[in-house]
């Protein structure tokens, strides 16, 4: 039994320097913002960043700091963040000698969050970006003058090849991590998922992403025994529940967030899967809070091997299903509608040919509206309705398939560690998913998406009612038109008005069921 609570987080992080990879992503940005507020005495925070679309690291962070989740921090606080250009796979991240020396002398905590998150990339790329980058982070950690904690951000999907309950431990991937690194460097890995060698290597993973994350965890276990190491495995991460801004979703591309933002504009009518499918979910601020507590835990306790925790709901703890997601979002979008949309937002859970039919219909509709959308400027300026439809289609189908592969996820170790949070930190840094009201969580997400993603601030008004009932009236007219078409087609063939009328009604019922 644990003897005492953890130190206060502000005391643990006070005076410590931090190095982060992946600090510009959804999870990394959330973690970075929280670090700025966890202790006023926190040291410099070095963030490894690459140039992107012609923007330097400093320019990228200037843009990030202008976002709503950083606006409450003072300029002096923001100056603690030091963006540094580097490469994930290069030795010492390709850092200049003077910067590397500064990091070695001043950094105490490393968060490795960067990597490839695409599921269908070549195995060589996945090994390089998810395993070699982890090796570089390990090598840097071992060079630090005083390492207080090393935390790897993995994923709850890292072990989808495991049958039965997935425990909070490191599983053997069937291949030695260092051997895979050598194969990647020598171009000896299969180039395609269709290559027979690919299936032999990744096994039940069926994709390069989850396999490479499992391999990276093994590399950490091999290389960092008896060091202060933690591995945090978040599930699908959704909008912030409380901090720093309610509903904050970053670029709104994690988990089913693509479905939510598409649904708000009426760009999708369905979620893929069964209504009973259990979704594994966590709000982003609960993930961040859990990561900070895990950091404090491994940095204040003797650690023999990596401490692994899952950050998620599951089949037993605050169960959240596909039906819940669909029904909650339907309700919240009706309460807080956008100022414009392709069609009246309403979704159903579908699969098979029903799902494919509806998405094909929406692809056609989005293509027809592509030019008018650009001319009359409805929808987000940076993303067409067509792209929203495609993102929603791929994301919803993928996550339902993944969820069905997972039989169970243990969160016992994570809960044990969270219970050790100092009493003064328990409320602000709660990571207990049982506290989350999923209806309220998605209500906040919808409100955030409308305000910050779509940049619409208009409250519910008569105009919104007119739009809603106008779409509803058109739907009724289309049903009536369908009835008349079926009726006149069959009456011309059979001459029987009663049968033709019945068939028209059946056609309406069939289309409504779709």
Protein backbone atom coordinates (compact mmCIF):
# COMPACT_ATOMS: atom_id res chain seq x y z
CA UNK A 1 0.00 0.00 0.00
CA UNK A 2 1.28 3.48 -0.90
CA UNK A 3 2.52 5.42 2.13
CA UNK A 4 1.73 9.03 1.23
CA UNK A 5 0.41 11.47 -1.30
CA UNK A 6 2.54 12.82 -4.12
CA UNK A 7 4.20 16.22 -3.75
CA UNK A 8 2.17 19.24 -4.83
CA UNK A 9 2.52 19.61 -8.57
CA UNK A 10 3.62 23.25 -8.33
CA UNK A 11 6.44 22.18 -6.02
CA UNK A 12 7.49 19.20 -8.14
CA UNK A 13 7.62 21.20 -11.39
CA UNK A 14 9.06 24.33 -9.80
CA UNK A 15 12.59 25.04 -10.98
CA UNK A 16 12.61 22.18 -13.50
CA UNK A 17 13.33 22.55 -17.19
CA UNK A 18 11.31 20.61 -19.75
CA UNK A 19 11.96 19.25 -23.24
CA UNK A 20 8.98 18.29 -25.43
CA UNK A 21 8.60 16.68 -28.83
CA UNK A 22 5.22 16.95 -30.51
CA UNK A 23 4.42 20.22 -28.78
CA UNK A 24 2.45 21.61 -31.73
CA UNK A 25 -0.03 18.72 -31.95
CA UNK A 26 -3.39 18.47 -30.17
CA UNK A 27 -2.10 16.57 -27.14
CA UNK A 28 1.26 18.34 -27.09
CA UNK A 29 -0.32 21.78 -27.23
CA UNK A 30 -2.66 20.87 -24.38
CA UNK A 31 0.27 19.60 -22.31
CA UNK A 32 2.37 22.66 -23.12
CA UNK A 33 -0.36 25.06 -22.00
CA UNK A 34 -0.84 23.15 -18.74
CA UNK A 35 2.90 23.21 -17.98
CA UNK A 36 2.86 27.00 -18.19
CA UNK A 37 0.26 27.10 -15.43
CA UNK A 38 1.32 24.23 -13.20
CA UNK A 39 4.03 26.26 -11.44
CA UNK A 40 5.04 29.90 -11.77
CA UNK A 41 8.60 28.77 -11.07
CA UNK A 42 8.82 26.21 -13.85
CA UNK A 43 12.01 26.54 -15.88
CA UNK A 44 12.42 26.91 -19.62
CA UNK A 45 10.33 24.64 -21.85
CA UNK A 46 12.23 23.59 -24.98
CA UNK A 47 9.94 22.46 -27.79
CA UNK A 48 11.34 20.56 -30.76
CA UNK A 49 9.64 21.90 -33.89
CA UNK A 50 10.21 21.56 -37.60
CA UNK A 51 9.59 24.18 -40.22
CA UNK A 52 6.19 23.74 -41.84
CA UNK A 53 4.74 25.42 -44.91
CA UNK A 54 7.56 27.92 -44.91
CA UNK A 55 7.00 28.96 -41.29
CA UNK A 56 9.90 28.95 -38.85
CA UNK A 57 9.44 27.42 -35.35
CA UNK A 58 9.11 30.92 -33.86
CA UNK A 59 6.47 31.87 -36.43
CA UNK A 60 4.53 28.68 -35.78
CA UNK A 61 4.44 29.40 -32.05
CA UNK A 62 3.42 32.99 -32.58
CA UNK A 63 0.36 31.60 -34.35
CA UNK A 64 -0.24 29.03 -31.59
CA UNK A 65 -0.01 31.70 -28.87
CA UNK A 66 -2.76 33.70 -30.60
CA UNK A 67 -5.24 30.86 -30.03
CA UNK A 68 -7.88 31.02 -27.31
CA UNK A 69 -6.22 28.43 -25.06
CA UNK A 70 -3.05 30.53 -24.63
CA UNK A 71 -4.54 34.03 -24.43
CA UNK A 72 -4.77 34.06 -20.62
CA UNK A 73 -1.01 33.62 -20.24
CA UNK A 74 1.15 36.75 -19.88
CA UNK A 75 3.94 37.55 -22.37
CA UNK A 76 6.50 36.84 -19.63
CA UNK A 77 5.04 33.38 -19.10
CA UNK A 78 4.97 32.61 -22.82
CA UNK A 79 8.65 33.56 -23.06
CA UNK A 80 9.46 30.41 -21.09
CA UNK A 81 8.68 28.40 -24.22
CA UNK A 82 11.77 28.04 -26.43
CA UNK A 83 10.98 26.68 -29.91
CA UNK A 84 14.00 24.91 -31.40
CA UNK A 85 14.31 23.57 -34.93
CA UNK A 86 15.29 19.93 -35.16
CA UNK A 87 14.70 16.58 -36.77
CA UNK A 88 13.07 13.68 -34.94
CA UNK A 89 15.24 10.94 -36.38
CA UNK A 90 18.65 12.62 -36.46
CA UNK A 91 21.26 12.01 -33.78
CA UNK A 92 20.74 14.53 -30.95
CA UNK A 93 17.73 15.66 -33.01
CA UNK A 94 20.16 17.55 -35.25
CA UNK A 95 20.51 20.29 -32.62
CA UNK A 96 23.42 22.75 -32.63
CA UNK A 97 26.07 21.92 -30.02
CA UNK A 98 25.39 25.01 -27.90
CA UNK A 99 21.63 24.35 -27.73
CA UNK A 100 22.22 20.67 -26.92
CA UNK A 101 24.57 21.65 -24.11
CA UNK A 102 21.99 24.09 -22.72
CA UNK A 103 19.35 21.36 -22.74
CA UNK A 104 21.66 18.81 -21.09
CA UNK A 105 22.43 21.26 -18.28
CA UNK A 106 18.95 22.73 -17.73
CA UNK A 107 16.34 20.10 -18.60
CA UNK A 108 15.00 17.65 -16.03
CA UNK A 109 11.81 16.35 -17.65
CA UNK A 110 11.32 14.94 -21.15
CA UNK A 111 7.95 14.40 -22.85
CA UNK A 112 8.13 12.44 -26.07
CA UNK A 113 4.82 12.99 -27.83
CA UNK A 114 5.84 13.41 -31.47
CA UNK A 115 5.51 10.76 -34.12
CA UNK A 116 3.55 9.48 -37.06
CA UNK A 117 -0.19 9.14 -36.41
CA UNK A 118 -1.26 7.98 -39.87
CA UNK A 119 -2.36 4.35 -39.94
CA UNK A 120 -1.64 3.46 -43.55
CA UNK A 121 1.93 4.68 -44.00
CA UNK A 122 4.83 2.38 -45.03
CA UNK A 123 6.35 0.38 -42.20
CA UNK A 124 9.77 1.98 -42.73
CA UNK A 125 8.29 5.45 -42.16
CA UNK A 126 6.42 4.31 -39.04
CA UNK A 127 9.55 2.73 -37.56
CA UNK A 128 11.64 5.80 -38.27
CA UNK A 129 9.18 8.38 -36.93
CA UNK A 130 7.82 6.38 -33.98
CA UNK A 131 10.71 4.12 -32.95
CA UNK A 132 13.89 5.89 -34.06
CA UNK A 133 12.52 9.16 -32.63
CA UNK A 134 11.94 7.34 -29.34
CA UNK A 135 15.54 6.10 -29.39
CA UNK A 136 16.73 9.70 -29.88
CA UNK A 137 14.61 10.82 -26.91
CA UNK A 138 16.05 8.01 -24.75
CA UNK A 139 19.59 8.97 -25.76
CA UNK A 140 18.95 12.60 -24.83
CA UNK A 141 17.41 11.58 -21.48
CA UNK A 142 20.55 9.62 -20.60
CA UNK A 143 22.72 12.67 -21.32
CA UNK A 144 20.86 15.01 -18.96
CA UNK A 145 22.76 16.11 -15.89
CA UNK A 146 19.69 15.40 -13.75
CA UNK A 147 16.78 13.43 -15.18
CA UNK A 148 13.67 13.75 -13.01
CA UNK A 149 11.14 12.12 -15.35
CA UNK A 150 10.78 10.74 -18.87
CA UNK A 151 7.20 10.31 -20.11
CA UNK A 152 6.28 8.70 -23.42
CA UNK A 153 2.89 9.49 -24.93
CA UNK A 154 1.81 6.22 -26.50
CA UNK A 155 -1.75 5.19 -27.37
CA UNK A 156 -4.40 2.86 -25.97
CA UNK A 157 -4.38 1.29 -29.45
CA UNK A 158 -0.74 0.18 -29.14
CA UNK A 159 -1.82 -3.31 -28.12
CA UNK A 160 -4.89 -3.99 -30.26
CA UNK A 161 -3.20 -7.25 -31.27
CA UNK A 162 -3.83 -8.57 -27.74
CA UNK A 163 -6.89 -10.77 -27.22
CA UNK A 164 -8.86 -10.27 -24.03
CA UNK A 165 -8.23 -7.47 -21.56
CA UNK A 166 -5.30 -5.16 -22.28
CA UNK A 167 -3.37 -4.57 -19.08
CA UNK A 168 -1.20 -1.62 -18.10
CA UNK A 169 2.08 -3.29 -18.97
CA UNK A 170 4.45 -3.46 -21.93
CA UNK A 171 3.68 -6.27 -24.39
CA UNK A 172 6.27 -7.97 -26.60
CA UNK A 173 5.67 -7.11 -30.30
CA UNK A 174 7.34 -10.27 -31.62
CA UNK A 175 10.26 -8.34 -33.12
CA UNK A 176 13.31 -6.79 -31.50
CA UNK A 177 13.09 -2.96 -31.69
CA UNK A 178 16.77 -2.49 -32.52
CA UNK A 179 16.60 -5.07 -35.28
CA UNK A 180 13.64 -3.23 -36.80
CA UNK A 181 15.59 0.03 -36.64
CA UNK A 182 18.45 -1.62 -38.55
CA UNK A 183 16.02 -3.03 -41.12
CA UNK A 184 14.49 0.43 -41.63
CA UNK A 185 17.94 2.01 -42.11
CA UNK A 186 18.83 -0.70 -44.65
CA UNK A 187 15.50 -0.46 -46.54
CA UNK A 188 14.71 -4.08 -45.72
CA UNK A 189 11.12 -3.51 -44.52
CA UNK A 190 8.08 -4.14 -46.78
CA UNK A 191 6.91 -1.07 -48.67
CA UNK A 192 3.22 -1.95 -48.81
CA UNK A 193 0.52 -3.39 -46.56
CA UNK A 194 -0.18 -5.85 -49.37
CA UNK A 195 3.30 -7.35 -49.10
CA UNK A 196 3.08 -10.81 -47.41
CA UNK A 197 6.07 -9.87 -45.22
CA UNK A 198 4.09 -6.93 -43.80
CA UNK A 199 1.42 -9.18 -42.30
CA UNK A 200 4.09 -11.52 -40.97
CA UNK A 201 5.83 -8.66 -39.15
CA UNK A 202 2.88 -6.70 -37.72
CA UNK A 203 0.61 -9.70 -37.03
CA UNK A 204 -2.83 -8.82 -35.61
CA UNK A 205 -2.03 -5.11 -35.63
CA UNK A 206 -2.92 -4.93 -39.34
CA UNK A 207 -1.38 -1.44 -39.58
CA UNK A 208 2.05 0.13 -39.17
CA UNK A 209 1.00 2.78 -36.61
CA UNK A 210 -0.15 0.65 -33.66
CA UNK A 211 2.65 -1.87 -34.28
CA UNK A 212 5.33 0.85 -34.21
CA UNK A 213 3.92 2.31 -30.98
CA UNK A 214 4.12 -1.11 -29.33
CA UNK A 215 7.70 -1.48 -30.57
CA UNK A 216 8.59 1.96 -29.16
CA UNK A 217 7.25 0.97 -25.73
CA UNK A 218 9.48 -2.12 -25.81
CA UNK A 219 12.50 -0.03 -26.71
CA UNK A 220 11.86 2.16 -23.67
CA UNK A 221 11.53 -0.88 -21.41
CA UNK A 222 14.80 -2.33 -22.73
CA UNK A 223 16.78 0.89 -22.46
CA UNK A 224 15.42 2.63 -19.37
CA UNK A 225 15.14 0.16 -16.52
CA UNK A 226 15.60 1.69 -13.06
CA UNK A 227 15.03 5.18 -14.47
CA UNK A 228 12.05 7.52 -13.74
CA UNK A 229 9.97 6.53 -16.76
CA UNK A 230 6.25 6.61 -17.43
CA UNK A 231 4.17 5.56 -20.44
CA UNK A 232 0.75 7.14 -20.82
CA UNK A 233 -1.72 5.56 -23.24
CA UNK A 234 -4.65 7.84 -24.08
CA UNK A 235 -7.63 6.49 -25.98
CA UNK A 236 -9.57 8.67 -28.44
CA UNK A 237 -9.09 12.19 -27.05
CA UNK A 238 -12.02 14.61 -27.18
CA UNK A 239 -12.61 18.26 -26.35
CA UNK A 240 -11.49 19.81 -23.09
CA UNK A 241 -13.97 19.34 -20.25
CA UNK A 242 -12.85 22.29 -18.14
CA UNK A 243 -9.38 23.68 -18.88
CA UNK A 244 -8.07 25.84 -20.41
CA UNK A 245 -11.20 26.57 -22.49
CA UNK A 246 -14.30 24.40 -22.24
CA UNK A 247 -14.69 22.27 -25.35
CA UNK A 248 -11.30 23.16 -26.84
CA UNK A 249 -10.44 20.67 -29.60
CA UNK A 250 -7.32 21.99 -31.29
CA UNK A 251 -7.70 21.35 -35.01
CA UNK A 252 -10.79 19.19 -34.34
CA UNK A 253 -9.30 16.13 -36.04
CA UNK A 254 -8.85 13.73 -33.09
CA UNK A 255 -11.23 10.83 -32.45
CA UNK A 256 -14.76 11.51 -33.64
CA UNK A 257 -14.22 15.27 -33.56
CA UNK A 258 -14.17 15.26 -37.36
CA UNK A 259 -17.66 13.75 -37.26
CA UNK A 260 -18.86 16.39 -34.78
CA UNK A 261 -17.71 19.39 -36.82
CA UNK A 262 -18.99 17.82 -40.05
CA UNK A 263 -22.33 16.99 -38.43
CA UNK A 264 -22.76 20.58 -37.23
CA UNK A 265 -22.77 21.68 -40.88
CA UNK A 266 -25.07 18.85 -41.97
CA UNK A 267 -22.18 17.31 -43.91
CA UNK A 268 -22.86 13.79 -42.67
CA UNK A 269 -25.95 11.78 -41.82
CA UNK A 270 -24.43 8.73 -40.24
CA UNK A 271 -21.92 7.17 -37.89
CA UNK A 272 -20.45 3.83 -38.86
CA UNK A 273 -20.97 0.80 -36.61
CA UNK A 274 -23.42 -0.66 -34.09
CA UNK A 275 -25.22 1.46 -31.53
CA UNK A 276 -23.90 -0.82 -28.79
CA UNK A 277 -20.23 -0.33 -29.77
CA UNK A 278 -18.26 0.91 -26.75
CA UNK A 279 -16.05 3.92 -27.41
CA UNK A 280 -12.91 4.47 -25.36
CA UNK A 281 -12.73 8.18 -24.66
CA UNK A 282 -11.03 10.85 -22.54
CA UNK A 283 -11.28 14.68 -22.58
CA UNK A 284 -7.97 16.29 -23.50
CA UNK A 285 -7.58 18.14 -20.18
CA UNK A 286 -8.08 14.88 -18.25
CA UNK A 287 -5.34 13.30 -20.36
CA UNK A 288 -3.07 16.27 -19.62
CA UNK A 289 -3.85 16.17 -15.89
CA UNK A 290 -3.12 12.44 -15.76
CA UNK A 291 0.16 12.96 -17.60
CA UNK A 292 1.29 15.64 -15.12
CA UNK A 293 0.40 13.41 -12.16
CA UNK A 294 2.23 10.44 -13.74
CA UNK A 295 5.28 12.67 -14.24
CA UNK A 296 5.23 13.61 -10.57
CA UNK A 297 4.77 9.96 -9.59
CA UNK A 298 7.74 8.55 -11.52
CA UNK A 299 9.83 11.55 -10.49
CA UNK A 300 9.23 11.06 -6.77
CA UNK A 301 9.21 7.26 -6.40
CA UNK A 302 11.79 4.54 -7.06
CA UNK A 303 10.96 3.11 -10.52
CA UNK A 304 12.31 -0.28 -11.62
CA UNK A 305 10.52 -0.48 -14.97
CA UNK A 306 8.29 1.93 -16.94
CA UNK A 307 5.07 2.81 -15.13
CA UNK A 308 2.23 2.32 -17.64
CA UNK A 309 -1.24 3.87 -17.37
CA UNK A 310 -4.27 3.97 -19.64
CA UNK A 311 -6.19 7.24 -19.79
CA UNK A 312 -9.67 6.31 -20.92
CA UNK A 313 -13.18 5.26 -20.09
CA UNK A 314 -13.96 1.58 -20.67
CA UNK A 315 -16.72 -1.04 -20.61
CA UNK A 316 -17.23 -0.61 -16.87
CA UNK A 317 -16.08 2.91 -15.96
CA UNK A 318 -18.28 5.70 -17.37
CA UNK A 319 -19.28 3.57 -20.35
CA UNK A 320 -19.77 5.58 -23.55
CA UNK A 321 -21.27 4.03 -26.67
CA UNK A 322 -21.67 4.96 -30.31
CA UNK A 323 -25.38 5.43 -29.62
CA UNK A 324 -24.53 7.92 -26.85
CA UNK A 325 -22.27 9.89 -29.16
CA UNK A 326 -24.83 9.98 -31.97
CA UNK A 327 -27.80 10.94 -29.80
CA UNK A 328 -25.94 13.52 -27.71
CA UNK A 329 -24.50 15.30 -30.75
CA UNK A 330 -27.91 15.29 -32.47
CA UNK A 331 -29.43 16.94 -29.41
CA UNK A 332 -26.67 19.49 -28.88
CA UNK A 333 -26.48 20.56 -32.53
CA UNK A 334 -30.23 21.17 -32.48
CA UNK A 335 -29.88 23.33 -29.36
CA UNK A 336 -26.91 25.30 -30.68
CA UNK A 337 -27.06 25.26 -34.51
CA UNK A 338 -24.60 26.84 -36.88
CA UNK A 339 -25.58 29.95 -38.84
CA UNK A 340 -25.50 27.92 -42.07
CA UNK A 341 -25.34 24.27 -43.04
CA UNK A 342 -25.56 22.02 -46.07
CA UNK A 343 -28.68 20.32 -44.75
CA UNK A 344 -30.59 19.88 -41.48
CA UNK A 345 -28.10 18.14 -39.13
CA UNK A 346 -29.40 14.75 -38.09
CA UNK A 347 -27.42 11.54 -37.85
CA UNK A 348 -28.11 7.84 -37.40
CA UNK A 349 -25.81 4.90 -36.64
CA UNK A 350 -25.50 2.81 -39.80
CA UNK A 351 -23.19 0.25 -41.34
CA UNK A 352 -22.85 -1.85 -44.48
CA UNK A 353 -24.53 -0.70 -47.66
CA UNK A 354 -26.74 1.81 -45.78
CA UNK A 355 -23.62 3.66 -44.61
CA UNK A 356 -21.98 3.55 -48.05
CA UNK A 357 -25.20 4.74 -49.76
CA UNK A 358 -25.60 7.76 -47.52
CA UNK A 359 -21.98 8.80 -47.78
CA UNK A 360 -22.04 8.47 -51.57
CA UNK A 361 -25.13 10.68 -51.63
CA UNK A 362 -23.37 13.27 -49.47
CA UNK A 363 -20.24 13.19 -51.61
CA UNK A 364 -22.39 13.96 -54.67
CA UNK A 365 -24.23 16.72 -52.79
CA UNK A 366 -20.96 18.25 -51.55
CA UNK A 367 -19.56 18.25 -55.09
CA UNK A 368 -22.68 19.97 -56.43
CA UNK A 369 -22.38 22.62 -53.71
CA UNK A 370 -18.63 23.12 -54.09
CA UNK A 371 -18.84 26.13 -56.41
CA UNK A 372 -21.82 27.83 -54.68
CA UNK A 373 -20.05 27.28 -51.36
CA UNK A 374 -17.02 29.22 -52.60
CA UNK A 375 -19.10 31.99 -54.17
CA UNK A 376 -21.51 32.59 -51.25
CA UNK A 377 -18.90 31.69 -48.57
CA UNK A 378 -20.95 29.40 -46.35
CA UNK A 379 -18.99 26.87 -44.32
CA UNK A 380 -15.42 27.31 -43.01
CA UNK A 381 -13.08 29.30 -45.24
CA UNK A 382 -10.22 26.81 -44.89
CA UNK A 383 -12.11 23.57 -45.61
CA UNK A 384 -14.69 22.69 -48.25
CA UNK A 385 -17.85 20.73 -47.48
CA UNK A 386 -16.48 17.99 -49.73
CA UNK A 387 -13.37 17.60 -47.57
CA UNK A 388 -15.46 17.63 -44.39
CA UNK A 389 -17.57 14.77 -45.79
CA UNK A 390 -14.47 12.71 -46.63
CA UNK A 391 -12.85 13.29 -43.22
CA UNK A 392 -16.04 12.29 -41.44
CA UNK A 393 -16.46 9.18 -43.60
CA UNK A 394 -12.95 7.84 -43.02
CA UNK A 395 -12.76 8.74 -39.34
CA UNK A 396 -16.11 7.30 -38.26
CA UNK A 397 -15.54 4.02 -40.07
CA UNK A 398 -12.03 3.59 -38.76
CA UNK A 399 -12.78 4.25 -35.11
CA UNK A 400 -15.76 1.90 -35.02
CA UNK A 401 -13.62 -0.91 -36.48
CA UNK A 402 -10.84 -0.27 -33.97
CA UNK A 403 -13.26 -0.13 -31.03
CA UNK A 404 -14.72 -3.49 -32.00
CA UNK A 405 -11.25 -5.09 -31.91
CA UNK A 406 -10.65 -4.12 -28.28
CA UNK A 407 -12.25 -6.53 -25.82
CA UNK A 408 -11.28 -4.62 -22.69
CA UNK A 409 -8.83 -2.04 -21.32
CA UNK A 410 -7.68 -2.00 -17.69
CA UNK A 411 -7.36 1.39 -15.99
CA UNK A 412 -6.56 0.06 -12.50
CA UNK A 413 -2.95 1.26 -12.35
CA UNK A 414 -3.86 4.70 -13.62
CA UNK A 415 -6.62 5.01 -11.03
CA UNK A 416 -4.21 3.89 -8.29
CA UNK A 417 -1.70 6.59 -9.21
CA UNK A 418 -4.38 9.29 -9.58
CA UNK A 419 -5.62 8.54 -6.06
CA UNK A 420 -2.18 9.61 -4.79
CA UNK A 421 -2.61 13.13 -6.18
CA UNK A 422 -2.00 15.70 -3.46
CA UNK A 423 -5.31 16.86 -1.89
CA UNK A 424 -4.67 20.45 -3.00
CA UNK A 425 -4.34 19.27 -6.62
CA UNK A 426 -7.22 16.81 -6.79
CA UNK A 427 -9.84 19.26 -8.04
CA UNK A 428 -7.79 21.30 -10.51
CA UNK A 429 -5.84 18.31 -11.85
CA UNK A 430 -8.54 15.69 -11.77
CA UNK A 431 -8.04 12.80 -14.20
CA UNK A 432 -10.93 10.66 -12.93
CA UNK A 433 -13.05 9.89 -15.98
CA UNK A 434 -16.02 9.01 -13.74
CA UNK A 435 -16.41 12.78 -13.20
CA UNK A 436 -17.14 13.36 -16.88
CA UNK A 437 -20.74 13.91 -17.99
CA UNK A 438 -20.57 12.98 -21.67
CA UNK A 439 -23.65 15.04 -22.56
CA UNK A 440 -22.12 18.13 -21.00
CA UNK A 441 -18.73 17.35 -22.53
CA UNK A 442 -20.09 17.33 -26.08
CA UNK A 443 -22.32 20.32 -25.40
CA UNK A 444 -19.13 22.24 -24.62
CA UNK A 445 -17.43 20.80 -27.70
CA UNK A 446 -20.27 21.92 -29.98
CA UNK A 447 -20.24 25.40 -28.44
CA UNK A 448 -16.47 25.67 -28.87
CA UNK A 449 -16.58 24.42 -32.46
CA UNK A 450 -19.25 26.93 -33.39
CA UNK A 451 -17.40 29.84 -31.74
CA UNK A 452 -13.77 29.10 -32.56
CA UNK A 453 -13.70 26.52 -35.37
CA UNK A 454 -16.47 28.00 -37.52
CA UNK A 455 -16.13 31.49 -35.98
CA UNK A 456 -19.87 31.95 -35.55
CA UNK A 457 -21.16 33.80 -32.49
CA UNK A 458 -24.83 34.32 -33.28
CA UNK A 459 -27.18 32.95 -30.61
CA UNK A 460 -30.19 30.78 -31.40
CA UNK A 461 -32.75 32.99 -33.12
CA UNK A 462 -35.82 33.04 -35.33
CA UNK A 463 -33.51 32.75 -38.34
CA UNK A 464 -32.19 29.42 -37.07
CA UNK A 465 -35.77 28.21 -36.57
CA UNK A 466 -36.67 29.23 -40.12
CA UNK A 467 -33.63 27.37 -41.50
CA UNK A 468 -34.50 24.24 -39.54
CA UNK A 469 -38.17 24.14 -40.45
CA UNK A 470 -37.37 25.17 -44.02
CA UNK A 471 -35.16 22.08 -44.41
CA UNK A 472 -37.83 19.98 -42.73
CA UNK A 473 -40.48 21.28 -45.14
CA UNK A 474 -38.25 20.46 -48.14
CA UNK A 475 -37.72 16.94 -46.76
CA UNK A 476 -41.50 16.50 -46.52
CA UNK A 477 -41.93 17.73 -50.08
CA UNK A 478 -39.30 15.27 -51.30
CA UNK A 479 -41.08 12.42 -49.53
CA UNK A 480 -44.33 13.53 -51.16
CA UNK A 481 -42.61 13.67 -54.55
CA UNK A 482 -41.28 10.14 -54.02
CA UNK A 483 -44.78 8.91 -53.20
CA UNK A 484 -46.23 10.50 -56.34
CA UNK A 485 -43.49 9.05 -58.56
CA UNK A 486 -43.97 5.53 -57.19
CA UNK A 487 -47.76 5.89 -57.26
CA UNK A 488 -47.97 6.98 -60.90
CA UNK A 489 -45.38 4.44 -62.05
CA UNK A 490 -47.29 1.52 -60.54
CA UNK A 491 -50.79 2.72 -61.33
CA UNK A 492 -49.79 2.94 -64.99
CA UNK A 493 -48.66 -0.69 -64.77
CA UNK A 494 -51.24 -2.28 -62.47
CA UNK A 495 -54.20 0.10 -62.71
CA UNK A 496 -54.74 -0.52 -58.98
CA UNK A 497 -54.82 2.74 -56.97
CA UNK A 498 -54.79 0.98 -53.57
CA UNK A 499 -51.70 -1.12 -54.38
CA UNK A 500 -49.89 1.86 -55.95
CA UNK A 501 -50.62 4.01 -52.89
CA UNK A 502 -49.39 1.24 -50.58
CA UNK A 503 -46.17 0.84 -52.57
CA UNK A 504 -45.65 4.61 -52.41
CA UNK A 505 -45.97 4.48 -48.62
CA UNK A 506 -43.58 1.54 -48.42
CA UNK A 507 -41.05 3.48 -50.51
CA UNK A 508 -41.26 6.42 -48.10
CA UNK A 509 -40.82 4.10 -45.10
CA UNK A 510 -37.82 2.42 -46.76
CA UNK A 511 -36.08 5.72 -47.53
CA UNK A 512 -36.79 6.99 -43.99
CA UNK A 513 -35.30 3.75 -42.58
CA UNK A 514 -32.16 4.31 -44.62
